[in-house]
Amino acid sequence: MRFNPLTDHERYLDKDPKDMSLTELRMLLKIKRMDLQLGWNEFEGKIKFWQRVVRSVRESGMVDQVKEGIQTYLQNKSPKE
């Protein structure tokens, strides 16, 4: 019988760590480490995604177009003498 952390982790949720055997504590620790690693991987993935989005926007020239549009708008909006 193999341990499957995606399904077997539920049997450790209700048990107090004080009442667990050494094997169960090791499994609980392994589950916690895997959970932490998955959370970290998800966080890194989100950062990399937004880095790609920002890089794509910057490389497309949209930032410069928006700046030029704002400057043109502000120049046209300022009172003319």
C-alpha atoms as a PDB file:
ATOM      1  CA  MET A   1       0.000   0.000   0.000  1.00  0.00           C
ATOM      2  CA  ARG A   2       1.422   3.372  -1.055  1.00  0.00           C
ATOM      3  CA  PHE A   3       0.670   6.737   0.450  1.00  0.00           C
ATOM      4  CA  ASN A   4      -1.110   9.107  -1.884  1.00  0.00           C
ATOM      5  CA  PRO A   5      -0.837  12.693  -0.529  1.00  0.00           C
ATOM      6  CA  LEU A   6      -3.620  13.873  -2.810  1.00  0.00           C
ATOM      7  CA  THR A   7      -6.185  11.576  -1.198  1.00  0.00           C
ATOM      8  CA  ASP A   8      -4.739  10.087   2.006  1.00  0.00           C
ATOM      9  CA  HIS A   9      -3.937  13.385   3.692  1.00  0.00           C
ATOM     10  CA  GLU A  10      -7.514  13.628   4.982  1.00  0.00           C
ATOM     11  CA  ARG A  11      -7.002  10.853   7.501  1.00  0.00           C
ATOM     12  CA  TYR A  12      -4.414  12.994   9.321  1.00  0.00           C
ATOM     13  CA  LEU A  13      -6.545  16.130   9.624  1.00  0.00           C
ATOM     14  CA  ASP A  14      -8.615  15.099  12.635  1.00  0.00           C
ATOM     15  CA  LYS A  15      -5.846  13.470  14.594  1.00  0.00           C
ATOM     16  CA  ASP A  16      -3.871  15.364  17.234  1.00  0.00           C
ATOM     17  CA  PRO A  17      -0.104  15.187  16.571  1.00  0.00           C
ATOM     18  CA  LYS A  18       0.411  14.109  20.203  1.00  0.00           C
ATOM     19  CA  ASP A  19      -1.591  10.956  19.474  1.00  0.00           C
ATOM     20  CA  MET A  20       0.252  10.083  16.254  1.00  0.00           C
ATOM     21  CA  SER A  21       2.863   7.412  15.835  1.00  0.00           C
ATOM     22  CA  LEU A  22       6.319   8.250  14.515  1.00  0.00           C
ATOM     23  CA  THR A  23       5.352   7.065  11.033  1.00  0.00           C
ATOM     24  CA  GLU A  24       2.226   9.211  11.042  1.00  0.00           C
ATOM     25  CA  LEU A  25       4.214  12.241  12.189  1.00  0.00           C
ATOM     26  CA  ARG A  26       6.678  11.713   9.348  1.00  0.00           C
ATOM     27  CA  MET A  27       3.800  11.501   6.887  1.00  0.00           C
ATOM     28  CA  LEU A  28       2.240  14.646   8.318  1.00  0.00           C
ATOM     29  CA  LEU A  29       5.567  16.460   7.999  1.00  0.00           C
ATOM     30  CA  LYS A  30       5.918  15.238   4.411  1.00  0.00           C
ATOM     31  CA  ILE A  31       2.403  16.468   3.640  1.00  0.00           C
ATOM     32  CA  LYS A  32       3.137  19.875   5.147  1.00  0.00           C
ATOM     33  CA  ARG A  33       6.379  20.165   3.154  1.00  0.00           C
ATOM     34  CA  MET A  34       4.625  19.220  -0.071  1.00  0.00           C
ATOM     35  CA  ASP A  35       1.853  21.721   0.679  1.00  0.00           C
ATOM     36  CA  LEU A  36       4.427  24.432   1.269  1.00  0.00           C
ATOM     37  CA  GLN A  37       6.290  23.533  -1.935  1.00  0.00           C
ATOM     38  CA  LEU A  38       3.071  23.598  -3.962  1.00  0.00           C
ATOM     39  CA  GLY A  39       2.160  26.989  -2.530  1.00  0.00           C
ATOM     40  CA  TRP A  40       5.620  28.350  -3.317  1.00  0.00           C
ATOM     41  CA  ASN A  41       5.487  26.986  -6.871  1.00  0.00           C
ATOM     42  CA  GLU A  42       2.098  28.623  -7.393  1.00  0.00           C
ATOM     43  CA  PHE A  43       3.428  31.938  -6.067  1.00  0.00           C
ATOM     44  CA  GLU A  44       6.481  31.791  -8.354  1.00  0.00           C
ATOM     45  CA  GLY A  45       4.238  30.949 -11.301  1.00  0.00           C
ATOM     46  CA  LYS A  46       2.093  34.016 -10.675  1.00  0.00           C
ATOM     47  CA  ILE A  47       5.162  36.253 -10.449  1.00  0.00           C
ATOM     48  CA  LYS A  48       6.584  34.850 -13.682  1.00  0.00           C
ATOM     49  CA  PHE A  49       3.222  35.283 -15.413  1.00  0.00           C
ATOM     50  CA  TRP A  50       3.004  38.982 -14.507  1.00  0.00           C
ATOM     51  CA  GLN A  51       6.659  39.497 -15.454  1.00  0.00           C
ATOM     52  CA  ARG A  52       5.855  38.106 -18.916  1.00  0.00           C
ATOM     53  CA  VAL A  53       2.774  40.328 -19.206  1.00  0.00           C
ATOM     54  CA  VAL A  54       4.734  43.464 -18.248  1.00  0.00           C
ATOM     55  CA  ARG A  55       7.600  42.538 -20.590  1.00  0.00           C
ATOM     56  CA  SER A  56       5.150  41.969 -23.464  1.00  0.00           C
ATOM     57  CA  VAL A  57       3.406  45.293 -22.878  1.00  0.00           C
ATOM     58  CA  ARG A  58       6.740  47.108 -22.662  1.00  0.00           C
ATOM     59  CA  GLU A  59       8.112  45.441 -25.812  1.00  0.00           C
ATOM     60  CA  SER A  60       4.936  46.142 -27.772  1.00  0.00           C
ATOM     61  CA  GLY A  61       5.428  49.886 -27.312  1.00  0.00           C
ATOM     62  CA  MET A  62       2.083  50.383 -25.621  1.00  0.00           C
ATOM     63  CA  VAL A  63       3.680  52.158 -22.650  1.00  0.00           C
ATOM     64  CA  ASP A  64       5.209  54.816 -24.926  1.00  0.00           C
ATOM     65  CA  GLN A  65       1.918  55.261 -26.781  1.00  0.00           C
ATOM     66  CA  VAL A  66       0.033  55.754 -23.521  1.00  0.00           C
ATOM     67  CA  LYS A  67       2.628  58.289 -22.308  1.00  0.00           C
ATOM     68  CA  GLU A  68       2.394  60.207 -25.576  1.00  0.00           C
ATOM     69  CA  GLY A  69      -1.403  60.124 -25.421  1.00  0.00           C
ATOM     70  CA  ILE A  70      -1.424  61.483 -21.863  1.00  0.00           C
ATOM     71  CA  GLN A  71       1.069  64.223 -22.736  1.00  0.00           C
ATOM     72  CA  THR A  72      -0.983  65.225 -25.788  1.00  0.00           C
ATOM     73  CA  TYR A  73      -4.155  65.264 -23.719  1.00  0.00           C
ATOM     74  CA  LEU A  74      -2.559  67.403 -21.013  1.00  0.00           C
ATOM     75  CA  GLN A  75      -1.142  69.845 -23.582  1.00  0.00           C
ATOM     76  CA  ASN A  76      -4.557  70.210 -25.251  1.00  0.00           C
ATOM     77  CA  LYS A  77      -6.272  70.578 -21.890  1.00  0.00           C
ATOM     78  CA  SER A  78      -3.982  73.336 -20.584  1.00  0.00           C
ATOM     79  CA  PRO A  79      -5.377  76.876 -20.988  1.00  0.00           C
ATOM     80  CA  LYS A  80      -4.136  78.609 -24.102  1.00  0.00           C
ATOM     81  CA  GLU A  81      -2.979  82.183 -23.870  1.00  0.00           C
END
